[in-house]
Protein backbone atom coordinates (compact mmCIF):
# COMPACT_ATOMS: atom_id res chain seq x y z
CA MET A 1 0.03 0.01 0.03
CA GLN A 2 2.51 2.42 0.83
CA ILE A 3 4.59 1.62 -2.50
CA ASN A 4 1.13 2.23 -4.48
CA LYS A 5 0.80 5.66 -2.58
CA ARG A 6 4.31 6.89 -3.56
CA THR A 7 3.78 5.79 -6.85
CA MET A 8 0.54 7.87 -7.24
CA ILE A 9 2.25 10.89 -5.64
CA ALA A 10 5.17 10.41 -8.38
CA VAL A 11 2.37 10.18 -10.99
CA VAL A 12 0.59 13.35 -9.97
CA ILE A 13 3.88 15.33 -9.32
CA THR A 14 4.99 14.07 -12.97
CA ALA A 15 1.58 15.20 -14.42
CA VAL A 16 1.62 18.62 -12.88
CA ILE A 17 5.13 19.30 -14.10
CA THR A 18 4.27 17.86 -17.62
CA ALA A 19 1.27 20.23 -17.62
CA LEU A 20 3.36 23.29 -16.55
CA LEU A 21 5.99 22.48 -19.20
CA PHE A 22 3.45 22.53 -22.17
CA SER A 23 0.88 24.89 -20.89
CA TYR A 24 2.67 27.72 -18.82
CA GLN A 25 3.32 30.73 -20.83
CA LEU A 26 6.37 32.73 -20.75
CA PRO A 27 6.67 36.63 -21.70
CA TYR A 28 7.97 35.56 -25.16
CA TYR A 29 6.59 34.91 -28.57
CA VAL A 30 8.09 32.07 -30.59
CA TYR A 31 8.45 32.18 -34.38
CA LYS A 32 9.24 29.15 -36.55
CA PRO A 33 8.84 28.18 -40.10
CA GLY A 34 5.14 27.29 -41.15
CA SER A 35 3.57 26.22 -44.28
CA ALA A 36 3.52 26.89 -47.83
CA GLU A 37 -0.08 26.42 -48.94
CA ALA A 38 -1.04 26.35 -52.60
CA LEU A 39 -3.43 29.44 -53.39
CA ASP A 40 -5.69 27.94 -56.16
CA PRO A 41 -7.73 26.59 -53.45
CA VAL A 42 -7.87 29.72 -51.63
CA ILE A 43 -8.55 32.17 -54.24
CA GLU A 44 -11.11 31.73 -57.25
CA VAL A 45 -11.68 34.07 -59.98
CA GLU A 46 -15.27 33.63 -61.55
CA GLY A 47 -14.46 32.23 -64.88
CA GLY A 48 -10.90 32.18 -64.28
CA TYR A 49 -8.10 30.41 -66.30
CA ALA A 50 -6.65 27.11 -64.67
CA SER A 51 -2.93 26.95 -64.19
CA SER A 52 -0.69 23.78 -64.63
CA GLY A 53 1.69 24.94 -61.33
CA ASP A 54 0.73 26.73 -58.21
CA MET A 55 1.37 29.94 -56.46
CA HIS A 56 1.93 29.60 -52.72
CA LEU A 57 1.13 31.61 -49.53
CA VAL A 58 4.04 30.91 -47.12
CA THR A 59 3.30 31.37 -43.32
CA ILE A 60 5.19 31.69 -40.12
CA ARG A 61 3.97 29.86 -37.04
CA GLY A 62 3.86 31.81 -33.68
CA GLY A 63 2.58 32.19 -30.47
CA GLN A 64 3.08 33.00 -27.09
CA ALA A 65 5.91 30.51 -25.84
CA THR A 66 5.60 27.61 -23.22
CA ILE A 67 8.48 26.47 -21.27
CA VAL A 68 8.90 23.48 -23.85
CA GLN A 69 8.84 25.86 -26.64
CA TRP A 70 11.11 28.21 -25.24
CA ALA A 71 13.89 25.38 -24.77
CA LEU A 72 13.09 24.10 -28.20
CA ALA A 73 14.02 27.68 -29.56
CA GLN A 74 17.34 27.47 -27.98
CA ILE A 75 18.61 24.58 -30.05
CA ARG A 76 16.31 24.52 -33.11
CA PRO A 77 17.45 26.44 -36.25
CA TYR A 78 15.31 28.98 -37.59
CA TYR A 79 13.18 29.46 -34.32
CA GLU A 80 13.25 32.76 -33.38
CA LEU A 81 12.18 34.17 -29.56
CA MET A 82 10.88 37.85 -29.15
CA PRO A 83 9.62 39.43 -25.87
CA LEU A 84 6.17 39.84 -25.75
CA GLU A 85 6.00 43.60 -25.43
CA GLN A 86 7.69 43.89 -28.96
CA VAL A 87 4.89 41.77 -30.61
CA ARG A 88 1.93 42.93 -28.81
CA PRO A 89 2.04 46.28 -27.04
CA GLU A 90 1.16 46.72 -23.53
CA GLY A 91 -2.60 47.18 -23.00
CA VAL A 92 -3.55 45.03 -26.11
CA SER A 93 -5.09 41.76 -25.62
CA GLU A 94 -4.33 38.65 -27.58
CA GLU A 95 -7.73 38.93 -29.30
CA GLU A 96 -7.19 42.46 -30.18
CA TYR A 97 -3.81 41.50 -31.82
CA PHE A 98 -5.47 38.71 -33.72
CA HIS A 99 -8.12 41.04 -34.83
CA ALA A 100 -5.65 43.61 -35.88
CA GLN A 101 -3.82 40.78 -37.84
CA LEU A 102 -6.84 39.57 -39.69
CA GLN A 103 -7.63 43.30 -40.58
CA MET A 104 -4.09 43.56 -42.08
CA MET A 105 -4.65 40.66 -44.10
CA GLU A 106 -8.14 41.80 -45.32
CA SER A 107 -6.40 45.17 -46.44
CA SER A 108 -3.54 43.13 -48.28
CA GLN A 109 -6.17 41.14 -50.20
CA GLU A 110 -7.77 44.44 -51.24
CA ALA A 111 -4.63 45.83 -52.50
CA ALA A 112 -3.76 42.38 -54.25
CA GLN A 113 -7.07 42.74 -56.04
CA VAL A 114 -6.38 46.25 -57.40
CA VAL A 115 -3.01 45.65 -58.38
CA ALA A 116 -4.23 42.14 -60.41
CA TYR A 117 -7.05 43.57 -61.89
CA GLU A 118 -5.61 46.96 -63.17
CA GLU A 119 -3.02 45.18 -64.95
CA ALA A 120 -5.27 42.87 -66.35
CA GLY A 121 -7.28 45.72 -67.48
CA LYS A 122 -10.36 44.08 -65.84
CA ASP A 123 -13.06 46.28 -64.23
CA ILE A 124 -12.49 47.48 -60.69
CA ASP A 125 -14.27 50.25 -58.69
CA ILE A 126 -12.97 51.65 -55.31
CA GLN A 127 -14.66 53.36 -52.92
CA TYR A 128 -13.05 55.11 -49.76
CA GLU A 129 -15.04 55.22 -46.49
CA GLY A 130 -12.29 56.67 -44.07
CA VAL A 131 -10.05 54.56 -41.84
CA TYR A 132 -10.60 52.18 -38.78
CA VAL A 133 -8.34 52.41 -35.60
CA MET A 134 -7.03 48.84 -35.25
CA GLN A 135 -5.06 49.48 -32.16
CA VAL A 136 -4.61 52.06 -29.31
CA MET A 137 -0.97 52.54 -27.91
CA GLU A 138 -0.91 52.44 -23.98
CA GLY A 139 0.49 55.81 -22.65
CA MET A 140 0.01 57.87 -25.87
CA PRO A 141 -2.62 60.70 -25.92
CA ALA A 142 -5.43 58.51 -27.78
CA THR A 143 -5.50 56.30 -24.86
CA ASP A 144 -8.51 57.70 -23.29
CA ARG A 145 -9.97 59.49 -26.46
CA LEU A 146 -10.24 56.69 -29.24
CA GLN A 147 -10.89 52.88 -29.16
CA SER A 148 -10.29 49.79 -31.49
CA GLY A 149 -13.16 50.16 -34.24
CA ASP A 150 -13.55 53.77 -34.34
CA ARG A 151 -13.83 54.98 -38.03
CA ILE A 152 -12.03 58.40 -38.53
CA ILE A 153 -13.97 60.34 -40.94
CA GLU A 154 -12.25 63.82 -40.70
CA VAL A 155 -9.09 65.58 -39.36
CA ASP A 156 -9.33 69.24 -38.39
CA GLY A 157 -12.39 69.49 -41.08
CA GLN A 158 -10.32 67.69 -43.77
CA GLU A 159 -11.81 64.57 -45.30
CA VAL A 160 -9.65 61.48 -44.61
CA LYS A 161 -10.30 58.75 -47.18
CA GLU A 162 -7.11 56.63 -46.67
CA SER A 163 -4.69 56.10 -43.55
CA THR A 164 -2.00 58.06 -45.32
CA ASP A 165 -4.03 61.22 -45.43
CA LEU A 166 -4.15 61.29 -41.63
CA ILE A 167 -0.58 59.86 -41.25
CA ASP A 168 0.87 62.81 -43.36
CA TYR A 169 -1.25 65.47 -41.92
CA VAL A 170 -0.15 64.63 -38.38
CA GLU A 171 3.55 64.30 -39.57
CA GLU A 172 3.57 67.96 -40.22
CA LYS A 173 2.69 68.78 -36.72
CA GLU A 174 4.67 68.99 -33.69
CA ALA A 175 4.52 67.70 -30.24
CA GLY A 176 1.99 69.41 -28.07
CA GLU A 177 -0.06 70.38 -31.03
CA SER A 178 -3.80 69.13 -31.13
CA VAL A 179 -5.88 67.63 -33.94
CA SER A 180 -10.01 67.40 -34.05
CA LEU A 181 -11.06 64.15 -35.22
CA LEU A 182 -14.52 63.48 -36.47
CA ILE A 183 -15.22 59.57 -35.92
CA GLU A 184 -18.08 57.18 -35.94
CA ARG A 185 -18.41 55.00 -33.25
CA GLU A 186 -21.23 52.38 -33.21
CA ASP A 187 -24.47 54.12 -34.57
CA GLY A 188 -23.30 57.68 -33.54
CA THR A 189 -20.97 60.29 -34.64
CA LEU A 190 -18.56 62.34 -32.01
CA THR A 191 -15.61 64.79 -32.34
CA ARG A 192 -12.30 64.14 -30.18
CA GLU A 193 -9.47 66.71 -29.53
CA VAL A 194 -6.43 64.71 -29.33
CA GLU A 195 -2.90 66.10 -28.59
CA LEU A 196 0.12 65.02 -30.38
CA ALA A 197 3.36 63.39 -28.43
CA PRO A 198 6.55 61.81 -29.24
CA PHE A 199 6.46 58.10 -29.69
CA PRO A 200 8.12 56.20 -26.54
CA ASP A 201 10.50 54.13 -29.05
CA ASP A 202 11.18 57.11 -31.62
CA GLU A 203 10.99 60.49 -30.12
CA GLU A 204 11.68 62.03 -33.19
CA ARG A 205 8.38 61.15 -34.69
CA VAL A 206 4.99 62.45 -33.20
CA GLY A 207 1.78 60.90 -33.16
CA ILE A 208 -1.34 60.43 -31.41
CA GLY A 209 -0.86 56.74 -30.61
CA ILE A 210 -2.95 54.46 -32.87
CA SER A 211 -2.67 52.02 -35.65
CA LEU A 212 -4.80 52.43 -38.78
CA VAL A 213 -6.43 50.35 -41.54
CA THR A 214 -7.93 52.16 -44.78
CA ASP A 215 -11.74 51.13 -44.92
CA ARG A 216 -12.39 50.48 -48.67
CA SER A 217 -14.97 48.71 -50.78
CA VAL A 218 -13.63 47.27 -54.00
CA GLU A 219 -15.90 45.85 -56.52
CA VAL A 220 -14.44 44.14 -59.46
CA ASP A 221 -15.68 42.00 -62.51
CA PRO A 222 -15.16 39.27 -62.94
CA ASN A 223 -15.86 38.12 -59.07
CA VAL A 224 -13.27 36.97 -57.05
CA THR A 225 -13.52 35.14 -53.76
CA VAL A 226 -10.66 34.75 -51.08
CA GLU A 227 -10.94 32.00 -48.25
CA SER A 228 -7.65 32.76 -46.24
CA GLY A 229 -9.30 31.59 -43.05
CA ASP A 230 -7.61 32.52 -39.87
CA ILE A 231 -4.29 33.79 -41.43
CA GLY A 232 -3.33 37.32 -40.42
CA GLY A 233 -0.79 39.95 -41.53
CA PRO A 234 -0.12 41.74 -44.63
CA SER A 235 2.87 39.52 -45.97
CA ALA A 236 0.80 37.56 -48.46
CA GLY A 237 -0.04 40.51 -50.70
CA LEU A 238 2.40 39.69 -53.31
CA MET A 239 1.23 36.11 -53.76
CA PHE A 240 -2.33 37.08 -53.76
CA SER A 241 -2.01 39.38 -56.51
CA LEU A 242 0.22 36.87 -58.60
CA GLU A 243 -2.49 34.34 -58.30
CA ILE A 244 -5.43 36.56 -58.94
CA TYR A 245 -3.56 37.92 -62.14
CA ASP A 246 -2.70 34.53 -63.12
CA GLN A 247 -6.49 33.24 -63.04
CA LEU A 248 -7.38 36.48 -64.82
CA ILE A 249 -5.21 35.95 -67.69
CA GLU A 250 -5.05 33.24 -70.41
CA LYS A 251 -1.34 32.82 -70.35
CA ASP A 252 -0.22 30.46 -67.40
CA LEU A 253 2.42 32.30 -65.50
CA THR A 254 3.34 29.15 -63.74
CA ASP A 255 4.29 27.33 -66.31
CA GLY A 256 4.03 23.92 -64.34
CA ARG A 257 6.19 25.44 -61.48
CA GLN A 258 5.90 25.48 -57.77
CA ILE A 259 6.24 29.41 -57.11
CA ALA A 260 6.50 30.81 -53.32
CA GLY A 261 7.14 34.18 -52.18
CA THR A 262 6.46 36.98 -49.76
CA GLY A 263 6.06 40.71 -49.39
CA GLU A 264 3.55 43.30 -48.53
CA ILE A 265 1.91 45.06 -51.31
CA ASN A 266 0.40 48.40 -51.74
CA TYR A 267 -2.08 49.79 -54.32
CA GLU A 268 0.70 51.03 -56.42
CA GLY A 269 2.01 47.46 -56.82
CA GLU A 270 5.12 48.03 -54.68
CA VAL A 271 6.44 45.10 -52.58
CA GLY A 272 7.41 45.79 -49.07
CA ARG A 273 9.52 44.21 -46.31
CA ILE A 274 8.02 41.58 -44.16
CA GLY A 275 9.33 39.90 -40.96
CA GLY A 276 10.80 36.42 -40.61
CA ILE A 277 11.66 35.76 -44.32
CA ASP A 278 14.22 33.01 -43.13
CA LYS A 279 11.62 31.01 -41.70
CA LYS A 280 9.58 31.39 -45.12
CA VAL A 281 12.44 30.09 -47.12
CA VAL A 282 12.58 27.22 -45.08
CA ALA A 283 8.93 26.46 -45.18
CA ALA A 284 8.72 27.03 -49.12
CA ASP A 285 11.69 24.70 -49.69
CA ASN A 286 9.97 22.16 -47.62
CA GLU A 287 7.01 22.26 -49.74
CA GLY A 288 9.28 21.56 -52.92
CA ALA A 289 9.15 25.20 -54.35
CA SER A 290 11.55 26.38 -57.22
CA ILE A 291 11.13 29.95 -57.04
CA PHE A 292 11.02 32.44 -54.23
CA PHE A 293 10.07 35.94 -54.48
CA ALA A 294 11.75 38.15 -51.94
CA PRO A 295 11.28 41.99 -51.16
CA ASN A 296 14.51 43.67 -52.37
CA GLU A 297 14.21 46.85 -50.71
CA GLU A 298 15.93 48.86 -53.32
CA GLY A 299 19.04 46.80 -52.71
CA ALA A 300 19.51 47.77 -49.11
CA GLU A 301 21.95 45.94 -46.81
CA GLU A 302 20.13 43.02 -44.76
CA SER A 303 17.17 43.50 -47.21
CA ASN A 304 14.47 40.66 -47.15
CA TYR A 305 16.29 39.62 -50.39
CA GLU A 306 19.86 39.30 -48.86
CA VAL A 307 18.45 37.29 -45.88
CA ALA A 308 16.56 34.83 -48.02
CA LYS A 309 19.58 34.33 -50.17
CA GLN A 310 21.73 33.57 -47.20
CA THR A 311 19.08 31.26 -45.90
CA ALA A 312 19.04 29.30 -49.01
CA GLU A 313 22.73 28.71 -49.19
CA GLU A 314 22.58 27.51 -45.35
CA ILE A 315 19.74 25.24 -46.14
CA GLY A 316 21.30 23.98 -49.59
CA THR A 317 18.19 24.33 -51.47
CA ASP A 318 18.13 24.51 -55.04
CA MET A 319 15.38 26.98 -55.11
CA GLU A 320 15.74 30.06 -56.74
CA ILE A 321 15.71 33.43 -54.62
CA VAL A 322 14.54 36.22 -56.91
CA PRO A 323 14.60 39.89 -55.82
CA VAL A 324 11.41 41.93 -56.25
CA THR A 325 10.33 45.65 -55.86
CA SER A 326 7.00 45.46 -57.52
CA PHE A 327 4.46 43.18 -58.90
CA GLU A 328 5.72 43.84 -62.37
CA ASP A 329 9.15 42.63 -61.30
CA ALA A 330 7.45 39.37 -60.34
CA VAL A 331 5.42 39.08 -63.58
CA THR A 332 8.25 39.97 -65.88
CA TYR A 333 10.62 37.29 -64.27
CA LEU A 334 7.90 34.54 -64.61
CA GLU A 335 7.22 35.51 -68.30
CA LYS A 336 10.88 35.58 -69.08
CA ASN A 337 11.76 32.64 -67.45
């Protein structure tokens, strides 16, 4: 009986320790290579053309680290730990952070549609409805004045159609000055006076302490549907635009190839820097991609392209790493090669 009791205590202690190791969350985020999913099942252009190859959306897996995940990140290549406050600002909940990531994904999809449809010469209509507040930074002037979900219609009486309208206007002002914002919240309209202050991590810049997403409605013909599920962030923009364009035109851009890549895209088709590109190269190689597009950042040192090229050499892949600064760069490469 004594042995059974000791055994039971040992089992309980082991179970508790195991549970702690796998469930107790540390103040770190861990990022690691994710997947490289084919976009053909994700994006469907009505009456679109089929392709013999695939465009791939490349992802990173991430989340708040448990003790086990923290330990694995110390020994496994291409695992990265980041302090929680660098990923999710203080005062922003996990739910708010996830919602913001989905909003960025939605904005990325819209930009991809605009770029692809304009390049293909198809019908597209864009209506601007102002900008949404995604997050409010703790300790900045907007903390007690604005909240996530507010729609900003005007700043000092001037119409705000997209986020750059507000950002450019505020950047011309100095700390201590105020702006008057006309906002929509739920079913009402209200005005908020908000003072400008330096950002804690960059005192040379001033602002009110919010992150924004432009509220646009985009109508296209033929219709396109995108089912990206719970994947968030803006970094799939380039590959979304390539997949949509490939379905819109008769010529098969893939030519039977498995094509991956990453990069945020704006409405002018410019490709911007993203984070964690080394992990995305690993994920694309694991999926068997032969081409990987990486933001070139105008040839800057430590650009996404340079990091991607170095990672490709480290893992010994035959995948071609291609630098791009625009959507047209990627299209031109695929057409010529």
